[in-house]
Amino acid sequence: MAFSLKDVLSGDIRAAARLMRDLDDEIPAAHRALKRLYKHTGRAYIVGITGAPGSGKSTLVDVLAEFLRKQGKSVGIVCIDPTSPFTGGAILGDRIRMQKHALDEGVFIRSLATRGHLGGLSKSTIDIVNVMDAMGKDVILIETVGVGQDEVEIVKVAHTNLVVVVPGLGDDIQAIKAGILEIADLFVVNKSDREGADKTRRELETMVSMNDYKEGDWVPPVLSTVAPVGTGLPELLEGIDRHRRHIFRDENLGRYKAGKARVELLEILKKKLIEKAVDDLSRSNLLEPLLEEIARKRKDPYSIAEKVIDHSFAFHLMEGTRQERGKGKKR
């Protein structure tokens, strides 16, 4: 093992970075280490920041980290970046913008490539967040890749989700209403010194007011910021803290933790089951023949998937092969 679990738990940046790298590369030893680290997680507060490209998410994350450090909190930052078409790694645009934290041992920044994973996150995001949690980070900020309406995966990972909107989108707020706007715990009208900021804020407030909230439900506030100069950041941090107190109330906490545990388990199950199914098919030399059958429209992928799930795919393929041979003999 290229890292010590004791070093990771003590907050050693190099040990944590090596473990994160191996997790992203899906090294088996790293996953075994994560199993042992898991009991040390659950202390960090996780904030997701999502929104359309150009909304200023990276700058907002940068300034949030600065304000949190002034409060004496250690910060982990997970930046989900587009995937390089040449290396398959993350295009490190976000990390470049956060250079002022490079020498601060209280801030750990990790960039992850989406590698084709949809929903604004990387498939190893939860693993990386758990490592940062285990190494003692107080707050973990996750910035999604910025792909538009379908960045809703963040709601499965973060405690508090910020949806960042900028003035000048016109009718776009209504256009994306059914997408990322519905996952917001707080709305942030960033670049609020631009023309049209008040209009954007009123539209969001109207949209929130149209929802049917029950007594005791959290009603997302709409806050304004100008991230580069820190305008509105104290109010934003207070909003995040109010939401934290809301979800951690005694009457909410048990249900909330159970919901998060369910999401985490289901995400890991989906990943592991898919990997196992593909591996089983490949090792049994069934994958390519099945793909060929689907490509020639002799079989449909829905039926094949059902056969894979109920473990009868081998019999199904052999039966199909026998039928094909029988036809050949008749000819």
Protein backbone atom coordinates (compact mmCIF):
# COMPACT_ATOMS: atom_id res chain seq x y z
CA MET A 1 0.00 0.00 0.00
CA ALA A 2 1.49 3.34 -1.06
CA PHE A 3 -0.19 5.18 1.80
CA SER A 4 -0.78 4.75 5.50
CA LEU A 5 -4.34 4.85 6.84
CA LYS A 6 -2.97 6.38 10.03
CA ASP A 7 -1.45 9.18 7.98
CA VAL A 8 -4.74 9.77 6.13
CA LEU A 9 -6.67 9.96 9.42
CA SER A 10 -4.13 12.42 10.80
CA GLY A 11 -4.75 14.71 7.82
CA ASP A 12 -1.56 14.00 5.88
CA ILE A 13 -2.12 15.59 2.47
CA ARG A 14 0.28 13.36 0.53
CA ALA A 15 -1.19 10.14 1.92
CA ALA A 16 -4.74 11.35 1.21
CA ALA A 17 -3.80 12.45 -2.31
CA ARG A 18 -2.31 9.03 -3.10
CA LEU A 19 -5.40 7.27 -1.81
CA MET A 20 -7.69 9.56 -3.83
CA ARG A 21 -5.64 8.95 -6.97
CA ASP A 22 -5.89 5.19 -6.51
CA LEU A 23 -9.62 5.39 -5.85
CA ASP A 24 -10.14 7.40 -9.02
CA ASP A 25 -8.08 4.79 -10.89
CA GLU A 26 -10.15 2.01 -9.24
CA ILE A 27 -7.20 0.24 -7.62
CA PRO A 28 -8.61 -2.63 -5.48
CA ALA A 29 -6.29 -1.92 -2.53
CA ALA A 30 -7.64 1.63 -2.34
CA HIS A 31 -11.21 0.38 -2.03
CA ARG A 32 -10.16 -1.99 0.73
CA ALA A 33 -8.61 0.98 2.54
CA LEU A 34 -11.79 2.99 2.10
CA LYS A 35 -13.79 0.24 3.83
CA ARG A 36 -11.59 0.68 6.90
CA LEU A 37 -11.82 4.47 6.74
CA TYR A 38 -15.59 4.59 6.43
CA LYS A 39 -16.31 4.41 10.17
CA HIS A 40 -14.33 7.65 10.54
CA THR A 41 -16.61 9.58 8.15
CA GLY A 42 -19.77 11.56 8.86
CA ARG A 43 -18.21 14.58 10.55
CA ALA A 44 -17.75 16.92 7.59
CA TYR A 45 -20.51 19.18 6.31
CA ILE A 46 -20.89 18.89 2.55
CA VAL A 47 -22.02 21.79 0.36
CA GLY A 48 -22.79 21.32 -3.34
CA ILE A 49 -22.47 24.20 -5.77
CA THR A 50 -24.13 23.76 -9.14
CA GLY A 51 -25.36 25.95 -11.98
CA ALA A 52 -24.92 26.73 -15.62
CA PRO A 53 -21.46 27.38 -17.14
CA GLY A 54 -20.37 30.98 -16.62
CA SER A 55 -22.42 31.52 -13.47
CA GLY A 56 -19.28 32.05 -11.40
CA LYS A 57 -19.30 28.78 -9.45
CA SER A 58 -15.50 28.50 -9.23
CA THR A 59 -15.07 32.05 -7.97
CA LEU A 60 -17.87 31.51 -5.45
CA VAL A 61 -16.23 28.30 -4.18
CA ASP A 62 -12.89 30.11 -3.96
CA VAL A 63 -14.33 32.93 -1.86
CA LEU A 64 -16.46 30.58 0.28
CA ALA A 65 -13.28 28.68 1.15
CA GLU A 66 -11.59 31.95 2.09
CA PHE A 67 -14.43 32.98 4.41
CA LEU A 68 -14.57 29.51 6.00
CA ARG A 69 -10.83 29.61 6.66
CA LYS A 70 -11.28 32.95 8.44
CA GLN A 71 -13.77 31.13 10.68
CA GLY A 72 -11.04 28.61 11.51
CA LYS A 73 -12.56 25.72 9.54
CA SER A 74 -10.52 23.31 7.43
CA VAL A 75 -11.89 22.96 3.90
CA GLY A 76 -11.92 20.29 1.23
CA ILE A 77 -12.78 21.26 -2.34
CA VAL A 78 -13.82 18.75 -5.00
CA CYS A 79 -13.92 20.27 -8.49
CA ILE A 80 -15.62 18.16 -11.14
CA ASP A 81 -13.97 19.16 -14.40
CA PRO A 82 -14.57 18.24 -18.03
CA THR A 83 -12.55 15.28 -19.26
CA SER A 84 -9.52 15.89 -21.45
CA PRO A 85 -9.98 14.20 -24.84
CA PHE A 86 -6.22 13.55 -24.92
CA THR A 87 -5.36 12.22 -21.44
CA GLY A 88 -8.76 11.22 -20.04
CA GLY A 89 -7.98 13.33 -16.96
CA ALA A 90 -9.54 16.48 -15.60
CA ILE A 91 -9.06 19.80 -17.35
CA LEU A 92 -7.84 21.75 -14.34
CA GLY A 93 -9.50 25.11 -15.00
CA ASP A 94 -11.06 25.29 -11.55
CA ARG A 95 -7.88 24.48 -9.67
CA ILE A 96 -5.98 27.18 -11.58
CA ARG A 97 -8.50 29.77 -10.37
CA MET A 98 -7.92 28.73 -6.75
CA GLN A 99 -4.14 29.21 -6.65
CA LYS A 100 -4.30 31.50 -3.60
CA HIS A 101 -5.16 28.44 -1.48
CA ALA A 102 -2.24 26.40 -2.83
CA LEU A 103 0.02 27.05 0.18
CA ASP A 104 -2.75 26.80 2.78
CA GLU A 105 -2.53 23.42 4.52
CA GLY A 106 -6.09 23.93 5.75
CA VAL A 107 -7.45 23.67 2.20
CA PHE A 108 -7.29 20.51 0.10
CA ILE A 109 -8.32 20.81 -3.56
CA ARG A 110 -8.97 17.78 -5.74
CA SER A 111 -10.04 17.88 -9.38
CA LEU A 112 -11.93 14.95 -10.86
CA ALA A 113 -12.72 14.21 -14.49
CA THR A 114 -16.30 13.26 -15.32
CA ARG A 115 -15.02 10.44 -17.62
CA GLY A 116 -18.40 10.29 -19.29
CA HIS A 117 -20.37 10.16 -16.03
CA LEU A 118 -23.60 12.15 -16.38
CA GLY A 119 -25.28 14.38 -13.82
CA GLY A 120 -22.45 16.86 -13.19
CA LEU A 121 -20.34 14.58 -10.98
CA SER A 122 -17.61 11.97 -11.36
CA LYS A 123 -18.28 8.34 -10.49
CA SER A 124 -15.64 8.51 -7.71
CA THR A 125 -17.01 11.70 -6.11
CA ILE A 126 -18.50 9.95 -3.07
CA ASP A 127 -15.24 8.06 -2.46
CA ILE A 128 -13.15 11.24 -2.61
CA VAL A 129 -15.56 13.07 -0.30
CA ASN A 130 -15.31 10.21 2.22
CA VAL A 131 -11.51 10.45 2.22
CA MET A 132 -11.64 14.20 2.84
CA ASP A 133 -14.17 13.57 5.60
CA ALA A 134 -11.98 10.91 7.23
CA MET A 135 -8.89 13.13 7.07
CA GLY A 136 -10.72 15.72 9.19
CA LYS A 137 -12.06 18.40 6.87
CA ASP A 138 -14.81 20.44 8.54
CA VAL A 139 -16.51 21.55 5.33
CA ILE A 140 -16.32 19.99 1.86
CA LEU A 141 -17.33 22.06 -1.14
CA ILE A 142 -18.27 20.18 -4.32
CA GLU A 143 -18.42 22.14 -7.56
CA THR A 144 -20.21 20.34 -10.38
CA VAL A 145 -18.94 20.44 -13.94
CA GLY A 146 -21.47 22.98 -15.23
CA VAL A 147 -23.47 21.14 -17.85
CA GLY A 148 -26.94 22.63 -17.46
CA GLN A 149 -30.32 21.18 -16.53
CA ASP A 150 -29.28 17.64 -15.63
CA GLU A 151 -26.77 18.41 -12.87
CA VAL A 152 -28.98 16.82 -10.24
CA GLU A 153 -26.64 14.07 -8.98
CA ILE A 154 -25.19 16.51 -6.43
CA VAL A 155 -28.39 16.30 -4.37
CA LYS A 156 -27.45 12.69 -3.52
CA VAL A 157 -24.10 13.69 -2.03
CA ALA A 158 -24.33 17.14 -0.41
CA HIS A 159 -26.11 18.22 2.76
CA THR A 160 -26.81 21.69 1.36
CA ASN A 161 -27.14 22.43 -2.35
CA LEU A 162 -26.57 25.88 -3.81
CA VAL A 163 -27.94 26.60 -7.27
CA VAL A 164 -26.08 29.55 -8.77
CA VAL A 165 -27.91 31.75 -11.28
CA VAL A 166 -26.74 34.90 -13.03
CA PRO A 167 -28.74 37.86 -14.38
CA GLY A 168 -29.27 38.14 -18.09
CA LEU A 169 -30.60 34.65 -18.74
CA GLY A 170 -34.00 36.01 -19.73
CA ASP A 171 -36.55 33.19 -19.85
CA ASP A 172 -33.89 30.59 -19.05
CA ILE A 173 -35.04 30.40 -15.43
CA GLN A 174 -38.36 29.02 -16.59
CA ALA A 175 -36.65 26.81 -19.16
CA ILE A 176 -34.51 25.08 -16.53
CA LYS A 177 -37.18 25.13 -13.83
CA ALA A 178 -37.76 21.39 -14.14
CA GLY A 179 -34.03 20.69 -13.88
CA ILE A 180 -31.43 21.91 -11.43
CA LEU A 181 -33.64 24.62 -9.90
CA GLU A 182 -35.74 21.97 -8.21
CA ILE A 183 -32.83 20.62 -6.15
CA ALA A 184 -31.89 23.97 -4.56
CA ASP A 185 -31.69 24.42 -0.82
CA LEU A 186 -30.48 27.96 -1.45
CA PHE A 187 -30.62 30.03 -4.62
CA VAL A 188 -27.65 32.31 -5.24
CA VAL A 189 -28.01 35.18 -7.69
CA ASN A 190 -24.32 35.70 -8.39
CA LYS A 191 -22.88 38.69 -10.26
CA SER A 192 -25.76 40.60 -8.72
CA ASP A 193 -24.14 43.92 -9.61
CA ARG A 194 -25.22 43.28 -13.20
CA GLU A 195 -28.29 44.79 -14.78
CA GLY A 196 -31.34 42.60 -14.32
CA ALA A 197 -30.26 41.10 -10.98
CA ASP A 198 -33.38 42.33 -9.18
CA LYS A 199 -35.59 40.85 -11.91
CA THR A 200 -33.82 37.50 -11.67
CA ARG A 201 -34.23 37.48 -7.90
CA ARG A 202 -37.95 38.32 -8.13
CA GLU A 203 -38.49 35.52 -10.66
CA LEU A 204 -36.82 33.01 -8.37
CA GLU A 205 -38.77 34.20 -5.35
CA THR A 206 -42.01 33.92 -7.34
CA MET A 207 -41.09 30.41 -8.43
CA VAL A 208 -40.37 29.39 -4.83
CA SER A 209 -43.65 30.88 -3.62
CA MET A 210 -45.59 28.76 -6.13
CA ASN A 211 -44.41 25.51 -4.54
CA ASP A 212 -46.67 23.77 -2.05
CA TYR A 213 -44.58 23.69 1.13
CA LYS A 214 -45.93 22.03 4.25
CA GLU A 215 -45.49 23.35 7.77
CA GLY A 216 -41.93 22.71 8.92
CA ASP A 217 -40.57 22.30 5.37
CA TRP A 218 -37.45 24.16 4.36
CA VAL A 219 -38.25 27.04 2.00
CA PRO A 220 -35.21 27.90 -0.18
CA PRO A 221 -34.14 31.52 0.29
CA VAL A 222 -32.90 33.60 -2.64
CA LEU A 223 -29.61 35.35 -1.84
CA SER A 224 -27.49 37.79 -3.84
CA THR A 225 -23.69 37.75 -4.14
CA VAL A 226 -20.85 39.38 -6.00
CA ALA A 227 -18.26 36.68 -5.39
CA PRO A 228 -15.00 38.43 -6.44
CA VAL A 229 -15.46 41.19 -3.82
CA GLY A 230 -17.21 39.05 -1.19
CA THR A 231 -20.53 40.87 -1.32
CA GLY A 232 -23.28 38.74 0.22
CA LEU A 233 -20.91 35.98 1.40
CA PRO A 234 -21.62 36.41 5.15
CA GLU A 235 -25.36 36.16 4.40
CA LEU A 236 -24.75 33.08 2.25
CA LEU A 237 -22.78 31.34 4.99
CA GLU A 238 -25.55 32.17 7.46
CA GLY A 239 -28.09 30.69 5.04
CA ILE A 240 -26.02 27.49 4.78
CA ASP A 241 -25.82 27.31 8.58
CA ARG A 242 -29.59 27.78 8.93
CA HIS A 243 -30.17 24.92 6.51
CA ARG A 244 -27.70 22.75 8.45
CA ARG A 245 -29.61 23.43 11.67
CA HIS A 246 -32.89 22.62 9.91
CA ILE A 247 -31.86 19.19 8.58
CA PHE A 248 -30.07 18.28 11.80
CA ARG A 249 -33.09 18.93 14.01
CA ASP A 250 -34.06 15.90 16.08
CA GLU A 251 -37.29 15.31 14.15
CA ASN A 252 -35.44 15.39 10.80
CA LEU A 253 -32.09 13.81 11.60
CA GLY A 254 -32.97 10.11 11.63
CA ARG A 255 -34.90 10.29 8.37
CA TYR A 256 -32.22 12.42 6.76
CA LYS A 257 -29.36 10.07 7.70
CA ALA A 258 -31.32 7.04 6.53
CA GLY A 259 -31.99 8.74 3.20
CA LYS A 260 -28.31 9.56 2.70
CA ALA A 261 -27.27 6.00 3.65
CA ARG A 262 -29.77 4.63 1.12
CA VAL A 263 -28.40 6.84 -1.64
CA GLU A 264 -24.79 5.92 -0.87
CA LEU A 265 -25.52 2.19 -0.83
CA LEU A 266 -27.58 2.28 -4.03
CA GLU A 267 -24.92 4.28 -5.88
CA ILE A 268 -22.22 1.77 -4.88
CA LEU A 269 -24.50 -1.16 -5.74
CA LYS A 270 -25.25 0.22 -9.20
CA LYS A 271 -21.57 0.70 -9.91
CA LYS A 272 -20.51 -2.73 -8.57
CA LEU A 273 -23.36 -4.67 -10.20
CA ILE A 274 -22.73 -3.13 -13.60
CA GLU A 275 -19.01 -3.85 -13.34
CA LYS A 276 -19.69 -7.46 -12.25
CA ALA A 277 -22.24 -8.09 -15.01
CA VAL A 278 -19.90 -6.81 -17.71
CA ASP A 279 -16.96 -8.73 -16.26
CA ASP A 280 -18.98 -11.97 -16.06
CA LEU A 281 -20.11 -11.61 -19.65
CA SER A 282 -16.58 -10.88 -20.83
CA ARG A 283 -14.98 -13.78 -18.95
CA SER A 284 -17.64 -16.13 -20.27
CA ASN A 285 -16.97 -14.90 -23.82
CA LEU A 286 -20.62 -13.86 -24.07
CA LEU A 287 -20.34 -10.09 -24.31
CA GLU A 288 -19.22 -9.80 -27.93
CA PRO A 289 -21.70 -12.40 -29.26
CA LEU A 290 -24.53 -10.65 -27.40
CA LEU A 291 -23.50 -7.29 -28.81
CA GLU A 292 -23.44 -8.78 -32.29
CA GLU A 293 -26.92 -10.24 -31.80
CA ILE A 294 -28.22 -6.85 -30.72
CA ALA A 295 -26.45 -5.04 -33.57
CA ARG A 296 -28.07 -7.41 -36.11
CA LYS A 297 -31.47 -6.88 -34.43
CA ARG A 298 -31.77 -10.59 -33.72
CA LYS A 299 -32.20 -9.79 -30.04
CA ASP A 300 -33.19 -6.66 -28.16
CA PRO A 301 -31.06 -5.12 -25.36
CA TYR A 302 -34.02 -5.04 -22.95
CA SER A 303 -34.45 -8.80 -22.96
CA ILE A 304 -30.71 -9.33 -22.73
CA ALA A 305 -30.52 -7.04 -19.71
CA GLU A 306 -33.32 -8.98 -18.02
CA LYS A 307 -31.46 -12.24 -18.67
CA VAL A 308 -28.29 -10.77 -17.20
CA ILE A 309 -30.14 -9.70 -14.07
CA ASP A 310 -31.75 -13.10 -13.46
CA HIS A 311 -28.47 -14.92 -14.33
CA SER A 312 -29.99 -16.86 -17.24
CA PHE A 313 -28.03 -15.04 -19.95
CA ALA A 314 -25.71 -18.02 -20.60
CA PHE A 315 -28.64 -20.39 -21.14
CA HIS A 316 -30.38 -17.77 -23.24
CA LEU A 317 -27.40 -17.37 -25.54
CA MET A 318 -26.77 -21.11 -25.84
CA GLU A 319 -30.42 -21.70 -26.67
CA GLY A 320 -30.26 -19.02 -29.35
CA THR A 321 -27.08 -20.55 -30.75
CA ARG A 322 -28.70 -24.01 -30.93
CA GLN A 323 -31.64 -22.56 -32.83
CA GLU A 324 -29.29 -20.89 -35.31
CA ARG A 325 -27.38 -24.18 -35.82
CA GLY A 326 -30.67 -26.03 -36.29
CA LYS A 327 -31.69 -23.62 -39.02
CA GLY A 328 -28.33 -24.15 -40.71
CA LYS A 329 -28.77 -27.97 -40.75
CA LYS A 330 -32.26 -27.68 -42.24
CA ARG A 331 -30.85 -25.63 -45.08
